[in-house]
Amino acid sequence: MIVYVVFRRDYQHKKGELMGMLIERRRDLRGKTRLESGLKWAKFAFGHLVEDKKDIFVIPKELEVEEDAKSLLYKGVFTKEEFLEVMEVVNRKVKIKKKREKNFLA
């Protein structure tokens, strides 16, 4: 599963401001790179929130999620607050899985 973390350029502070997250569930990107596909989708989904759509940029990441956590990610487009909540749940599940593996090996 590919996750695009969407940012808006903040020229005043010289950094990116988190806008949200997009989740790509299809396997075929129709001949485009991850960056091209994510950027086009991000401009469509978050373009109304910025003055200039050129200020939007994405960072594609590969995310491995268990089947029970996929239901959390079904929505596809998340706001900044929703993104932080979902990532907290995913990180908690990863920590639990690692702890179980550690206890199993011990």
PDB file of N, CA and C in Angstrom:
ATOM      1  N   MET A   1       0.845  -1.162   0.000  1.00  0.00           N
ATOM      2  CA  MET A   1       0.000   0.000   0.000  1.00  0.00           C
ATOM      3  C   MET A   1       0.900   1.237   0.000  1.00  0.00           C
ATOM      4  N   ILE A   2       0.581   2.177  -0.859  1.00  0.00           N
ATOM      5  CA  ILE A   2       1.359   3.409  -0.947  1.00  0.00           C
ATOM      6  C   ILE A   2       0.604   4.510  -0.215  1.00  0.00           C
ATOM      7  N   VAL A   3       1.306   5.222   0.646  1.00  0.00           N
ATOM      8  CA  VAL A   3       0.735   6.336   1.386  1.00  0.00           C
ATOM      9  C   VAL A   3       1.443   7.602   0.934  1.00  0.00           C
ATOM     10  N   TYR A   4       0.665   8.596   0.552  1.00  0.00           N
ATOM     11  CA  TYR A   4       1.231   9.895   0.175  1.00  0.00           C
ATOM     12  C   TYR A   4       0.968  10.874   1.311  1.00  0.00           C
ATOM     13  N   VAL A   5       2.028  11.371   1.920  1.00  0.00           N
ATOM     14  CA  VAL A   5       1.894  12.387   2.944  1.00  0.00           C
ATOM     15  C   VAL A   5       1.974  13.735   2.216  1.00  0.00           C
ATOM     16  N   VAL A   6       0.937  14.550   2.370  1.00  0.00           N
ATOM     17  CA  VAL A   6       0.797  15.783   1.604  1.00  0.00           C
ATOM     18  C   VAL A   6       1.186  16.983   2.465  1.00  0.00           C
ATOM     19  N   PHE A   7       2.050  17.834   1.905  1.00  0.00           N
ATOM     20  CA  PHE A   7       2.508  19.034   2.592  1.00  0.00           C
ATOM     21  C   PHE A   7       2.261  20.260   1.742  1.00  0.00           C
ATOM     22  N   ARG A   8       2.226  21.418   2.395  1.00  0.00           N
ATOM     23  CA  ARG A   8       2.155  22.711   1.716  1.00  0.00           C
ATOM     24  C   ARG A   8       3.437  23.458   2.043  1.00  0.00           C
ATOM     25  N   ARG A   9       4.061  24.028   1.038  1.00  0.00           N
ATOM     26  CA  ARG A   9       5.296  24.786   1.268  1.00  0.00           C
ATOM     27  C   ARG A   9       4.985  26.031   2.095  1.00  0.00           C
ATOM     28  N   ASP A  10       5.782  26.241   3.121  1.00  0.00           N
ATOM     29  CA  ASP A  10       5.660  27.428   3.967  1.00  0.00           C
ATOM     30  C   ASP A  10       6.946  28.222   3.788  1.00  0.00           C
ATOM     31  N   TYR A  11       6.899  29.200   2.898  1.00  0.00           N
ATOM     32  CA  TYR A  11       8.097  29.958   2.564  1.00  0.00           C
ATOM     33  C   TYR A  11       8.574  30.819   3.725  1.00  0.00           C
ATOM     34  N   GLN A  12       7.665  31.248   4.578  1.00  0.00           N
ATOM     35  CA  GLN A  12       8.024  32.097   5.702  1.00  0.00           C
ATOM     36  C   GLN A  12       8.905  31.348   6.702  1.00  0.00           C
ATOM     37  N   HIS A  13       8.560  30.087   6.985  1.00  0.00           N
ATOM     38  CA  HIS A  13       9.314  29.287   7.954  1.00  0.00           C
ATOM     39  C   HIS A  13      10.272  28.303   7.294  1.00  0.00           C
ATOM     40  N   LYS A  14      10.304  28.308   5.963  1.00  0.00           N
ATOM     41  CA  LYS A  14      11.199  27.448   5.180  1.00  0.00           C
ATOM     42  C   LYS A  14      11.033  25.970   5.524  1.00  0.00           C
ATOM     43  N   LYS A  15       9.783  25.528   5.576  1.00  0.00           N
ATOM     44  CA  LYS A  15       9.505  24.119   5.824  1.00  0.00           C
ATOM     45  C   LYS A  15       8.129  23.787   5.254  1.00  0.00           C
ATOM     46  N   GLY A  16       7.750  22.544   5.334  1.00  0.00           N
ATOM     47  CA  GLY A  16       6.450  22.123   4.840  1.00  0.00           C
ATOM     48  C   GLY A  16       5.448  21.993   5.968  1.00  0.00           C
ATOM     49  N   GLU A  17       4.215  22.374   5.692  1.00  0.00           N
ATOM     50  CA  GLU A  17       3.135  22.239   6.667  1.00  0.00           C
ATOM     51  C   GLU A  17       2.282  21.040   6.276  1.00  0.00           C
ATOM     52  N   LEU A  18       2.086  20.122   7.201  1.00  0.00           N
ATOM     53  CA  LEU A  18       1.310  18.920   6.937  1.00  0.00           C
ATOM     54  C   LEU A  18      -0.130  19.288   6.616  1.00  0.00           C
ATOM     55  N   MET A  19      -0.626  18.765   5.492  1.00  0.00           N
ATOM     56  CA  MET A  19      -2.014  19.008   5.091  1.00  0.00           C
ATOM     57  C   MET A  19      -2.883  17.765   5.278  1.00  0.00           C
ATOM     58  N   GLY A  20      -2.305  16.596   5.032  1.00  0.00           N
ATOM     59  CA  GLY A  20      -3.085  15.380   5.152  1.00  0.00           C
ATOM     60  C   GLY A  20      -2.369  14.194   4.547  1.00  0.00           C
ATOM     61  N   MET A  21      -3.147  13.140   4.254  1.00  0.00           N
ATOM     62  CA  MET A  21      -2.586  11.895   3.750  1.00  0.00           C
ATOM     63  C   MET A  21      -3.546  11.305   2.727  1.00  0.00           C
ATOM     64  N   LEU A  22      -2.966  10.697   1.705  1.00  0.00           N
ATOM     65  CA  LEU A  22      -3.743   9.991   0.689  1.00  0.00           C
ATOM     66  C   LEU A  22      -3.259   8.547   0.649  1.00  0.00           C
ATOM     67  N   ILE A  23      -4.185   7.624   0.505  1.00  0.00           N
ATOM     68  CA  ILE A  23      -3.820   6.206   0.485  1.00  0.00           C
ATOM     69  C   ILE A  23      -4.165   5.626  -0.881  1.00  0.00           C
ATOM     70  N   GLU A  24      -3.146   5.126  -1.556  1.00  0.00           N
ATOM     71  CA  GLU A  24      -3.287   4.522  -2.884  1.00  0.00           C
ATOM     72  C   GLU A  24      -3.485   3.027  -2.706  1.00  0.00           C
ATOM     73  N   ARG A  25      -4.649   2.535  -3.108  1.00  0.00           N
ATOM     74  CA  ARG A  25      -4.923   1.116  -2.955  1.00  0.00           C
ATOM     75  C   ARG A  25      -4.778   0.346  -4.262  1.00  0.00           C
ATOM     76  N   ARG A  26      -4.745   1.048  -5.371  1.00  0.00           N
ATOM     77  CA  ARG A  26      -4.622   0.331  -6.651  1.00  0.00           C
ATOM     78  C   ARG A  26      -3.157  -0.012  -6.912  1.00  0.00           C
ATOM     79  N   ARG A  27      -2.941  -1.093  -7.594  1.00  0.00           N
ATOM     80  CA  ARG A  27      -1.583  -1.549  -7.868  1.00  0.00           C
ATOM     81  C   ARG A  27      -1.009  -0.913  -9.133  1.00  0.00           C
ATOM     82  N   ASP A  28      -1.872  -0.631 -10.096  1.00  0.00           N
ATOM     83  CA  ASP A  28      -1.430  -0.076 -11.362  1.00  0.00           C
ATOM     84  C   ASP A  28      -1.531   1.445 -11.308  1.00  0.00           C
ATOM     85  N   LEU A  29      -0.406   2.124 -11.446  1.00  0.00           N
ATOM     86  CA  LEU A  29      -0.403   3.583 -11.401  1.00  0.00           C
ATOM     87  C   LEU A  29      -0.587   4.194 -12.786  1.00  0.00           C
ATOM     88  N   ARG A  30      -0.991   3.373 -13.737  1.00  0.00           N
ATOM     89  CA  ARG A  30      -1.330   3.794 -15.103  1.00  0.00           C
ATOM     90  C   ARG A  30      -0.183   4.519 -15.789  1.00  0.00           C
ATOM     91  N   GLY A  31       1.022   3.959 -15.656  1.00  0.00           N
ATOM     92  CA  GLY A  31       2.178   4.480 -16.366  1.00  0.00           C
ATOM     93  C   GLY A  31       2.854   5.677 -15.735  1.00  0.00           C
ATOM     94  N   LYS A  32       2.399   6.082 -14.571  1.00  0.00           N
ATOM     95  CA  LYS A  32       3.005   7.223 -13.901  1.00  0.00           C
ATOM     96  C   LYS A  32       3.862   6.751 -12.738  1.00  0.00           C
ATOM     97  N   THR A  33       4.784   7.588 -12.331  1.00  0.00           N
ATOM     98  CA  THR A  33       5.571   7.271 -11.145  1.00  0.00           C
ATOM     99  C   THR A  33       4.718   7.532  -9.914  1.00  0.00           C
ATOM    100  N   ARG A  34       5.184   7.046  -8.757  1.00  0.00           N
ATOM    101  CA  ARG A  34       4.455   7.295  -7.507  1.00  0.00           C
ATOM    102  C   ARG A  34       4.312   8.787  -7.244  1.00  0.00           C
ATOM    103  N   LEU A  35       5.377   9.510  -7.509  1.00  0.00           N
ATOM    104  CA  LEU A  35       5.377  10.943  -7.244  1.00  0.00           C
ATOM    105  C   LEU A  35       4.375  11.678  -8.132  1.00  0.00           C
ATOM    106  N   GLU A  36       4.360  11.356  -9.423  1.00  0.00           N
ATOM    107  CA  GLU A  36       3.420  11.998 -10.348  1.00  0.00           C
ATOM    108  C   GLU A  36       1.969  11.687  -9.980  1.00  0.00           C
ATOM    109  N   SER A  37       1.710  10.426  -9.696  1.00  0.00           N
ATOM    110  CA  SER A  37       0.362  10.007  -9.357  1.00  0.00           C
ATOM    111  C   SER A  37      -0.110  10.676  -8.073  1.00  0.00           C
ATOM    112  N   GLY A  38       0.736  10.674  -7.057  1.00  0.00           N
ATOM    113  CA  GLY A  38       0.370  11.269  -5.771  1.00  0.00           C
ATOM    114  C   GLY A  38       0.200  12.768  -5.844  1.00  0.00           C
ATOM    115  N   LEU A  39       1.057  13.434  -6.612  1.00  0.00           N
ATOM    116  CA  LEU A  39       0.985  14.885  -6.724  1.00  0.00           C
ATOM    117  C   LEU A  39      -0.293  15.323  -7.439  1.00  0.00           C
ATOM    118  N   LYS A  40      -0.661  14.606  -8.489  1.00  0.00           N
ATOM    119  CA  LYS A  40      -1.888  14.935  -9.211  1.00  0.00           C
ATOM    120  C   LYS A  40      -3.105  14.765  -8.300  1.00  0.00           C
ATOM    121  N   TRP A  41      -3.134  13.682  -7.548  1.00  0.00           N
ATOM    122  CA  TRP A  41      -4.241  13.409  -6.644  1.00  0.00           C
ATOM    123  C   TRP A  41      -4.269  14.430  -5.502  1.00  0.00           C
ATOM    124  N   ALA A  42      -3.100  14.782  -4.977  1.00  0.00           N
ATOM    125  CA  ALA A  42      -3.023  15.751  -3.883  1.00  0.00           C
ATOM    126  C   ALA A  42      -3.517  17.123  -4.321  1.00  0.00           C
ATOM    127  N   LYS A  43      -3.164  17.531  -5.531  1.00  0.00           N
ATOM    128  CA  LYS A  43      -3.634  18.824  -6.031  1.00  0.00           C
ATOM    129  C   LYS A  43      -5.144  18.817  -6.194  1.00  0.00           C
ATOM    130  N   PHE A  44      -5.695  17.682  -6.592  1.00  0.00           N
ATOM    131  CA  PHE A  44      -7.140  17.573  -6.735  1.00  0.00           C
ATOM    132  C   PHE A  44      -7.836  17.586  -5.370  1.00  0.00           C
ATOM    133  N   ALA A  45      -7.285  16.848  -4.401  1.00  0.00           N
ATOM    134  CA  ALA A  45      -7.929  16.704  -3.097  1.00  0.00           C
ATOM    135  C   ALA A  45      -7.722  17.911  -2.181  1.00  0.00           C
ATOM    136  N   PHE A  46      -6.536  18.526  -2.223  1.00  0.00           N
ATOM    137  CA  PHE A  46      -6.218  19.604  -1.298  1.00  0.00           C
ATOM    138  C   PHE A  46      -5.996  20.951  -1.983  1.00  0.00           C
ATOM    139  N   GLY A  47      -6.207  21.040  -3.280  1.00  0.00           N
ATOM    140  CA  GLY A  47      -5.949  22.267  -4.026  1.00  0.00           C
ATOM    141  C   GLY A  47      -6.792  23.448  -3.588  1.00  0.00           C
ATOM    142  N   HIS A  48      -7.977  23.173  -3.100  1.00  0.00           N
ATOM    143  CA  HIS A  48      -8.853  24.266  -2.674  1.00  0.00           C
ATOM    144  C   HIS A  48      -8.397  24.924  -1.365  1.00  0.00           C
ATOM    145  N   LEU A  49      -7.443  24.313  -0.675  1.00  0.00           N
ATOM    146  CA  LEU A  49      -6.969  24.833   0.605  1.00  0.00           C
ATOM    147  C   LEU A  49      -5.778  25.777   0.470  1.00  0.00           C
ATOM    148  N   VAL A  50      -5.211  25.888  -0.722  1.00  0.00           N
ATOM    149  CA  VAL A  50      -4.037  26.742  -0.930  1.00  0.00           C
ATOM    150  C   VAL A  50      -4.318  27.751  -2.040  1.00  0.00           C
ATOM    151  N   GLU A  51      -3.566  28.851  -2.018  1.00  0.00           N
ATOM    152  CA  GLU A  51      -3.721  29.862  -3.067  1.00  0.00           C
ATOM    153  C   GLU A  51      -3.128  29.372  -4.392  1.00  0.00           C
ATOM    154  N   ASP A  52      -1.957  28.740  -4.309  1.00  0.00           N
ATOM    155  CA  ASP A  52      -1.264  28.266  -5.511  1.00  0.00           C
ATOM    156  C   ASP A  52      -1.044  26.762  -5.386  1.00  0.00           C
ATOM    157  N   LYS A  53      -1.572  26.000  -6.325  1.00  0.00           N
ATOM    158  CA  LYS A  53      -1.436  24.541  -6.261  1.00  0.00           C
ATOM    159  C   LYS A  53       0.007  24.078  -6.393  1.00  0.00           C
ATOM    160  N   LYS A  54       0.888  24.955  -6.866  1.00  0.00           N
ATOM    161  CA  LYS A  54       2.304  24.602  -6.981  1.00  0.00           C
ATOM    162  C   LYS A  54       2.981  24.500  -5.617  1.00  0.00           C
ATOM    163  N   ASP A  55       2.315  24.994  -4.579  1.00  0.00           N
ATOM    164  CA  ASP A  55       2.873  24.925  -3.231  1.00  0.00           C
ATOM    165  C   ASP A  55       2.687  23.547  -2.585  1.00  0.00           C
ATOM    166  N   ILE A  56       1.925  22.682  -3.227  1.00  0.00           N
ATOM    167  CA  ILE A  56       1.666  21.347  -2.680  1.00  0.00           C
ATOM    168  C   ILE A  56       2.761  20.393  -3.130  1.00  0.00           C
ATOM    169  N   PHE A  57       3.265  19.577  -2.176  1.00  0.00           N
ATOM    170  CA  PHE A  57       4.178  18.501  -2.530  1.00  0.00           C
ATOM    171  C   PHE A  57       3.856  17.275  -1.700  1.00  0.00           C
ATOM    172  N   VAL A  58       4.252  16.111  -2.203  1.00  0.00           N
ATOM    173  CA  VAL A  58       3.941  14.850  -1.536  1.00  0.00           C
ATOM    174  C   VAL A  58       5.211  14.054  -1.293  1.00  0.00           C
ATOM    175  N   ILE A  59       5.126  13.199  -0.280  1.00  0.00           N
ATOM    176  CA  ILE A  59       6.198  12.248   0.002  1.00  0.00           C
ATOM    177  C   ILE A  59       5.562  10.862  -0.002  1.00  0.00           C
ATOM    178  N   PRO A  60       5.846  10.051  -1.040  1.00  0.00           N
ATOM    179  CA  PRO A  60       5.272   8.706  -1.082  1.00  0.00           C
ATOM    180  C   PRO A  60       6.037   7.758  -0.164  1.00  0.00           C
ATOM    181  N   LYS A  61       5.293   6.924   0.547  1.00  0.00           N
ATOM    182  CA  LYS A  61       5.887   5.930   1.441  1.00  0.00           C
ATOM    183  C   LYS A  61       5.175   4.606   1.235  1.00  0.00           C
ATOM    184  N   GLU A  62       5.918   3.525   1.371  1.00  0.00           N
ATOM    185  CA  GLU A  62       5.341   2.183   1.297  1.00  0.00           C
ATOM    186  C   GLU A  62       4.961   1.789   2.720  1.00  0.00           C
ATOM    187  N   LEU A  63       3.733   1.341   2.912  1.00  0.00           N
ATOM    188  CA  LEU A  63       3.249   1.013   4.249  1.00  0.00           C
ATOM    189  C   LEU A  63       2.720  -0.409   4.252  1.00  0.00           C
ATOM    190  N   GLU A  64       3.233  -1.212   5.160  1.00  0.00           N
ATOM    191  CA  GLU A  64       2.745  -2.581   5.338  1.00  0.00           C
ATOM    192  C   GLU A  64       1.783  -2.582   6.523  1.00  0.00           C
ATOM    193  N   VAL A  65       0.538  -2.961   6.259  1.00  0.00           N
ATOM    194  CA  VAL A  65      -0.483  -2.929   7.292  1.00  0.00           C
ATOM    195  C   VAL A  65      -1.160  -4.288   7.347  1.00  0.00           C
ATOM    196  N   GLU A  66      -1.459  -4.745   8.555  1.00  0.00           N
ATOM    197  CA  GLU A  66      -2.170  -6.011   8.720  1.00  0.00           C
ATOM    198  C   GLU A  66      -3.612  -5.857   8.252  1.00  0.00           C
ATOM    199  N   GLU A  67      -4.279  -6.965   8.039  1.00  0.00           N
ATOM    200  CA  GLU A  67      -5.639  -6.958   7.503  1.00  0.00           C
ATOM    201  C   GLU A  67      -6.615  -6.200   8.392  1.00  0.00           C
ATOM    202  N   ASP A  68      -6.516  -6.359   9.729  1.00  0.00           N
ATOM    203  CA  ASP A  68      -7.473  -5.692  10.608  1.00  0.00           C
ATOM    204  C   ASP A  68      -7.279  -4.183  10.639  1.00  0.00           C
ATOM    205  N   ALA A  69      -6.099  -3.690  10.339  1.00  0.00           N
ATOM    206  CA  ALA A  69      -5.847  -2.249  10.320  1.00  0.00           C
ATOM    207  C   ALA A  69      -6.234  -1.626   8.989  1.00  0.00           C
ATOM    208  N   LYS A  70      -6.432  -2.426   7.955  1.00  0.00           N
ATOM    209  CA  LYS A  70      -6.798  -1.877   6.644  1.00  0.00           C
ATOM    210  C   LYS A  70      -8.158  -1.201   6.686  1.00  0.00           C
ATOM    211  N   SER A  71      -9.042  -1.641   7.577  1.00  0.00           N
ATOM    212  CA  SER A  71     -10.354  -1.000   7.669  1.00  0.00           C
ATOM    213  C   SER A  71     -10.228   0.455   8.104  1.00  0.00           C
ATOM    214  N   LEU A  72      -9.203   0.780   8.877  1.00  0.00           N
ATOM    215  CA  LEU A  72      -8.965   2.166   9.277  1.00  0.00           C
ATOM    216  C   LEU A  72      -8.560   3.020   8.089  1.00  0.00           C
ATOM    217  N   LEU A  73      -7.902   2.411   7.118  1.00  0.00           N
ATOM    218  CA  LEU A  73      -7.348   3.138   5.998  1.00  0.00           C
ATOM    219  C   LEU A  73      -8.249   3.122   4.773  1.00  0.00           C
ATOM    220  N   TYR A  74      -9.480   2.658   4.915  1.00  0.00           N
ATOM    221  CA  TYR A  74     -10.364   2.502   3.771  1.00  0.00           C
ATOM    222  C   TYR A  74     -10.792   3.836   3.180  1.00  0.00           C
ATOM    223  N   LYS A  75     -10.817   4.869   3.966  1.00  0.00           N
ATOM    224  CA  LYS A  75     -11.320   6.171   3.523  1.00  0.00           C
ATOM    225  C   LYS A  75     -10.562   6.711   2.322  1.00  0.00           C
ATOM    226  N   GLY A  76      -9.234   6.702   2.367  1.00  0.00           N
ATOM    227  CA  GLY A  76      -8.442   7.141   1.219  1.00  0.00           C
ATOM    228  C   GLY A  76      -7.862   8.532   1.348  1.00  0.00           C
ATOM    229  N   VAL A  77      -8.649   9.510   1.798  1.00  0.00           N
ATOM    230  CA  VAL A  77      -8.168  10.883   1.966  1.00  0.00           C
ATOM    231  C   VAL A  77      -8.383  11.279   3.419  1.00  0.00           C
ATOM    232  N   PHE A  78      -7.299  11.699   4.068  1.00  0.00           N
ATOM    233  CA  PHE A  78      -7.370  12.077   5.465  1.00  0.00           C
ATOM    234  C   PHE A  78      -6.906  13.511   5.664  1.00  0.00           C
ATOM    235  N   THR A  79      -7.553  14.204   6.585  1.00  0.00           N
ATOM    236  CA  THR A  79      -7.085  15.527   6.969  1.00  0.00           C
ATOM    237  C   THR A  79      -5.894  15.367   7.900  1.00  0.00           C
ATOM    238  N   LYS A  80      -5.300  16.472   8.275  1.00  0.00           N
ATOM    239  CA  LYS A  80      -4.131  16.456   9.149  1.00  0.00           C
ATOM    240  C   LYS A  80      -4.436  15.757  10.473  1.00  0.00           C
ATOM    241  N   GLU A  81      -5.559  16.092  11.092  1.00  0.00           N
ATOM    242  CA  GLU A  81      -5.922  15.504  12.378  1.00  0.00           C
ATOM    243  C   GLU A  81      -6.209  14.013  12.261  1.00  0.00           C
ATOM    244  N   GLU A  82      -6.949  13.627  11.213  1.00  0.00           N
ATOM    245  CA  GLU A  82      -7.252  12.212  10.995  1.00  0.00           C
ATOM    246  C   GLU A  82      -5.983  11.423  10.724  1.00  0.00           C
ATOM    247  N   PHE A  83      -5.060  12.011   9.961  1.00  0.00           N
ATOM    248  CA  PHE A  83      -3.793  11.359   9.653  1.00  0.00           C
ATOM    249  C   PHE A  83      -3.023  11.055  10.926  1.00  0.00           C
ATOM    250  N   LEU A  84      -2.923  12.008  11.824  1.00  0.00           N
ATOM    251  CA  LEU A  84      -2.179  11.810  13.065  1.00  0.00           C
ATOM    252  C   LEU A  84      -2.823  10.724  13.928  1.00  0.00           C
ATOM    253  N   GLU A  85      -4.160  10.675  13.964  1.00  0.00           N
ATOM    254  CA  GLU A  85      -4.847   9.638  14.725  1.00  0.00           C
ATOM    255  C   GLU A  85      -4.596   8.252  14.135  1.00  0.00           C
ATOM    256  N   VAL A  86      -4.699   8.132  12.817  1.00  0.00           N
ATOM    257  CA  VAL A  86      -4.497   6.840  12.163  1.00  0.00           C
ATOM    258  C   VAL A  86      -3.062   6.359  12.355  1.00  0.00           C
ATOM    259  N   MET A  87      -2.089   7.247  12.203  1.00  0.00           N
ATOM    260  CA  MET A  87      -0.690   6.851  12.358  1.00  0.00           C
ATOM    261  C   MET A  87      -0.405   6.425  13.789  1.00  0.00           C
ATOM    262  N   GLU A  88      -1.077   7.027  14.752  1.00  0.00           N
ATOM    263  CA  GLU A  88      -0.911   6.609  16.147  1.00  0.00           C
ATOM    264  C   GLU A  88      -1.397   5.175  16.338  1.00  0.00           C
ATOM    265  N   VAL A  89      -2.537   4.853  15.753  1.00  0.00           N
ATOM    266  CA  VAL A  89      -3.084   3.491  15.849  1.00  0.00           C
ATOM    267  C   VAL A  89      -2.168   2.499  15.141  1.00  0.00           C
ATOM    268  N   VAL A  90      -1.694   2.838  13.948  1.00  0.00           N
ATOM    269  CA  VAL A  90      -0.811   1.948  13.191  1.00  0.00           C
ATOM    270  C   VAL A  90       0.489   1.716  13.955  1.00  0.00           C
ATOM    271  N   ASN A  91       1.070   2.775  14.508  1.00  0.00           N
ATOM    272  CA  ASN A  91       2.309   2.626  15.275  1.00  0.00           C
ATOM    273  C   ASN A  91       2.094   1.755  16.509  1.00  0.00           C
ATOM    274  N   ARG A  92       0.948   1.897  17.150  1.00  0.00           N
ATOM    275  CA  ARG A  92       0.637   1.076  18.322  1.00  0.00           C
ATOM    276  C   ARG A  92       0.548  -0.396  17.928  1.00  0.00           C
ATOM    277  N   LYS A  93      -0.073  -0.689  16.788  1.00  0.00           N
ATOM    278  CA  LYS A  93      -0.180  -2.076  16.326  1.00  0.00           C
ATOM    279  C   LYS A  93       1.183  -2.651  15.976  1.00  0.00           C
ATOM    280  N   VAL A  94       2.055  -1.848  15.389  1.00  0.00           N
ATOM    281  CA  VAL A  94       3.404  -2.311  15.050  1.00  0.00           C
ATOM    282  C   VAL A  94       4.180  -2.633  16.330  1.00  0.00           C
ATOM    283  N   LYS A  95       4.056  -1.790  17.349  1.00  0.00           N
ATOM    284  CA  LYS A  95       4.754  -2.035  18.615  1.00  0.00           C
ATOM    285  C   LYS A  95       4.256  -3.305  19.281  1.00  0.00           C
ATOM    286  N   ILE A  96       2.945  -3.531  19.240  1.00  0.00           N
ATOM    287  CA  ILE A  96       2.379  -4.754  19.827  1.00  0.00           C
ATOM    288  C   ILE A  96       2.890  -5.983  19.091  1.00  0.00           C
ATOM    289  N   LYS A  97       2.937  -5.905  17.758  1.00  0.00           N
ATOM    290  CA  LYS A  97       3.419  -7.037  16.957  1.00  0.00           C
ATOM    291  C   LYS A  97       4.878  -7.340  17.274  1.00  0.00           C
ATOM    292  N   LYS A  98       5.715  -6.305  17.367  1.00  0.00           N
ATOM    293  CA  LYS A  98       7.130  -6.514  17.693  1.00  0.00           C
ATOM    294  C   LYS A  98       7.296  -7.108  19.082  1.00  0.00           C
ATOM    295  N   LYS A  99       6.476  -6.651  20.018  1.00  0.00           N
ATOM    296  CA  LYS A  99       6.549  -7.158  21.386  1.00  0.00           C
ATOM    297  C   LYS A  99       6.175  -8.647  21.420  1.00  0.00           C
ATOM    298  N   ARG A 100       5.148  -9.024  20.659  1.00  0.00           N
ATOM    299  CA  ARG A 100       4.734 -10.431  20.592  1.00  0.00           C
ATOM    300  C   ARG A 100       5.842 -11.294  19.996  1.00  0.00           C
ATOM    301  N   GLU A 101       6.464 -10.784  18.906  1.00  0.00           N
ATOM    302  CA  GLU A 101       7.548 -11.533  18.263  1.00  0.00           C
ATOM    303  C   GLU A 101       8.737 -11.689  19.218  1.00  0.00           C
ATOM    304  N   LYS A 102       9.039 -10.667  19.968  1.00  0.00           N
ATOM    305  CA  LYS A 102      10.142 -10.708  20.911  1.00  0.00           C
ATOM    306  C   LYS A 102       9.863 -11.731  22.008  1.00  0.00           C
ATOM    307  N   ASN A 103       8.626 -11.732  22.535  1.00  0.00           N
ATOM    308  CA  ASN A 103       8.260 -12.681  23.577  1.00  0.00           C
ATOM    309  C   ASN A 103       8.220 -14.110  23.046  1.00  0.00           C
ATOM    310  N   PHE A 104       7.837 -14.278  21.784  1.00  0.00           N
ATOM    311  CA  PHE A 104       7.788 -15.592  21.176  1.00  0.00           C
ATOM    312  C   PHE A 104       9.178 -16.175  20.996  1.00  0.00           C
ATOM    313  N   LEU A 105      10.136 -15.328  20.609  1.00  0.00           N
ATOM    314  CA  LEU A 105      11.508 -15.779  20.389  1.00  0.00           C
ATOM    315  C   LEU A 105      12.259 -16.022  21.688  1.00  0.00           C
ATOM    316  N   ALA A 106      11.818 -15.384  22.761  1.00  0.00           N
ATOM    317  CA  ALA A 106      12.533 -15.513  24.041  1.00  0.00           C
ATOM    318  C   ALA A 106      12.220 -16.803  24.739  1.00  0.00           C
TER     319      ALA A 106
END
